[in-house]
Amino acid sequence: MLTIEAVATIDAEGTLTLRAPRPVPAGRHRVVVIIDEAAEVPATRRLPSLADFRANLSATPSSGNAVLEARESERL
């Protein structure tokens, strides 16, 4: 008996997709599935928010796009 803990994906049709580790031989296997609905699994790692970063620095937020505002001020 082998215990595998992994993250699986269930699509809209109810198909469960799970990648087994290499030591598991190919073929049919009897499996038991436990779905832990309380566990949160992040879909992907996102980049930090630049606005939050600036707020942590106590920087004054720009009223709009600072690059465009600077270019417009150069034209005047």
C-alpha atoms as a PDB file:
ATOM      1  CA  MET A   1       0.000   0.000   0.000  1.00  0.00           C
ATOM      2  CA  LEU A   2       1.300   3.436  -0.977  1.00  0.00           C
ATOM      3  CA  THR A   3       0.040   6.758   0.444  1.00  0.00           C
ATOM      4  CA  ILE A   4       0.155   9.735  -1.933  1.00  0.00           C
ATOM      5  CA  GLU A   5      -0.759  13.268  -0.928  1.00  0.00           C
ATOM      6  CA  ALA A   6      -1.092  15.651  -3.853  1.00  0.00           C
ATOM      7  CA  VAL A   7      -3.187  18.435  -5.333  1.00  0.00           C
ATOM      8  CA  ALA A   8      -5.761  17.279  -7.867  1.00  0.00           C
ATOM      9  CA  THR A   9      -7.889  19.208 -10.342  1.00  0.00           C
ATOM     10  CA  ILE A  10     -11.591  18.513 -10.906  1.00  0.00           C
ATOM     11  CA  ASP A  11     -13.036  19.969 -14.114  1.00  0.00           C
ATOM     12  CA  ALA A  12     -16.642  21.004 -14.836  1.00  0.00           C
ATOM     13  CA  GLU A  13     -17.512  17.477 -16.020  1.00  0.00           C
ATOM     14  CA  GLY A  14     -16.250  15.989 -12.739  1.00  0.00           C
ATOM     15  CA  THR A  15     -13.068  14.442 -14.115  1.00  0.00           C
ATOM     16  CA  LEU A  16     -10.358  14.216 -11.465  1.00  0.00           C
ATOM     17  CA  THR A  17      -6.778  14.746 -12.647  1.00  0.00           C
ATOM     18  CA  LEU A  18      -3.829  13.829 -10.432  1.00  0.00           C
ATOM     19  CA  ARG A  19      -0.175  13.249 -11.284  1.00  0.00           C
ATOM     20  CA  ALA A  20       1.241  10.189  -9.519  1.00  0.00           C
ATOM     21  CA  PRO A  21       4.882  10.118  -8.451  1.00  0.00           C
ATOM     22  CA  ARG A  22       7.328   8.080 -10.544  1.00  0.00           C
ATOM     23  CA  PRO A  23       7.570   5.009  -8.266  1.00  0.00           C
ATOM     24  CA  VAL A  24       3.919   4.143  -8.969  1.00  0.00           C
ATOM     25  CA  PRO A  25       3.774   1.618 -11.818  1.00  0.00           C
ATOM     26  CA  ALA A  26       1.514   2.296 -14.805  1.00  0.00           C
ATOM     27  CA  GLY A  27      -1.782   0.414 -14.933  1.00  0.00           C
ATOM     28  CA  ARG A  28      -5.060   0.179 -13.050  1.00  0.00           C
ATOM     29  CA  HIS A  29      -5.000   0.785  -9.297  1.00  0.00           C
ATOM     30  CA  ARG A  30      -7.616   0.848  -6.558  1.00  0.00           C
ATOM     31  CA  VAL A  31      -7.597   4.337  -5.016  1.00  0.00           C
ATOM     32  CA  VAL A  32      -9.370   6.106  -2.177  1.00  0.00           C
ATOM     33  CA  VAL A  33      -9.998   9.832  -2.651  1.00  0.00           C
ATOM     34  CA  ILE A  34     -10.570  12.248   0.221  1.00  0.00           C
ATOM     35  CA  ILE A  35     -11.437  15.799  -0.764  1.00  0.00           C
ATOM     36  CA  ASP A  36     -10.462  18.301   1.911  1.00  0.00           C
ATOM     37  CA  GLU A  37     -12.706  21.262   1.161  1.00  0.00           C
ATOM     38  CA  ALA A  38     -11.300  23.260   4.064  1.00  0.00           C
ATOM     39  CA  ALA A  39      -7.776  23.270   2.646  1.00  0.00           C
ATOM     40  CA  GLU A  40      -7.011  26.207   0.409  1.00  0.00           C
ATOM     41  CA  VAL A  41      -4.551  25.598  -2.397  1.00  0.00           C
ATOM     42  CA  PRO A  42      -3.254  28.693  -4.179  1.00  0.00           C
ATOM     43  CA  ALA A  43      -3.820  28.391  -7.936  1.00  0.00           C
ATOM     44  CA  THR A  44      -0.638  30.221  -8.816  1.00  0.00           C
ATOM     45  CA  ARG A  45       1.856  32.445  -7.141  1.00  0.00           C
ATOM     46  CA  ARG A  46       1.113  36.038  -8.015  1.00  0.00           C
ATOM     47  CA  LEU A  47       3.484  38.959  -8.085  1.00  0.00           C
ATOM     48  CA  PRO A  48       3.122  41.375  -5.177  1.00  0.00           C
ATOM     49  CA  SER A  49       0.990  44.455  -5.674  1.00  0.00           C
ATOM     50  CA  LEU A  50       3.056  47.515  -6.551  1.00  0.00           C
ATOM     51  CA  ALA A  51       0.409  49.733  -4.942  1.00  0.00           C
ATOM     52  CA  ASP A  52       0.736  47.806  -1.648  1.00  0.00           C
ATOM     53  CA  PHE A  53       4.519  48.058  -1.879  1.00  0.00           C
ATOM     54  CA  ARG A  54       4.371  51.841  -2.348  1.00  0.00           C
ATOM     55  CA  ALA A  55       1.871  52.134   0.518  1.00  0.00           C
ATOM     56  CA  ASN A  56       4.293  50.262   2.801  1.00  0.00           C
ATOM     57  CA  LEU A  57       6.937  52.850   1.896  1.00  0.00           C
ATOM     58  CA  SER A  58       4.500  55.665   2.741  1.00  0.00           C
ATOM     59  CA  ALA A  59       4.840  56.920  -0.834  1.00  0.00           C
ATOM     60  CA  THR A  60       2.184  59.282  -2.127  1.00  0.00           C
ATOM     61  CA  PRO A  61       0.044  57.465  -4.711  1.00  0.00           C
ATOM     62  CA  SER A  62      -0.059  58.966  -8.178  1.00  0.00           C
ATOM     63  CA  SER A  63      -3.377  60.315  -9.407  1.00  0.00           C
ATOM     64  CA  GLY A  64      -2.955  58.349 -12.620  1.00  0.00           C
ATOM     65  CA  ASN A  65      -0.237  57.017 -14.895  1.00  0.00           C
ATOM     66  CA  ALA A  66       2.914  58.806 -13.684  1.00  0.00           C
ATOM     67  CA  VAL A  67       4.827  58.132 -16.926  1.00  0.00           C
ATOM     68  CA  LEU A  68       2.123  59.668 -19.098  1.00  0.00           C
ATOM     69  CA  GLU A  69       1.708  62.585 -16.703  1.00  0.00           C
ATOM     70  CA  ALA A  70       5.458  63.313 -16.863  1.00  0.00           C
ATOM     71  CA  ARG A  71       5.462  63.231 -20.655  1.00  0.00           C
ATOM     72  CA  GLU A  72       2.473  65.554 -20.818  1.00  0.00           C
ATOM     73  CA  SER A  73       4.173  68.006 -18.461  1.00  0.00           C
ATOM     74  CA  GLU A  74       7.282  67.982 -20.705  1.00  0.00           C
ATOM     75  CA  ARG A  75       5.191  69.154 -23.657  1.00  0.00           C
ATOM     76  CA  LEU A  76       3.947  72.252 -21.821  1.00  0.00           C
END
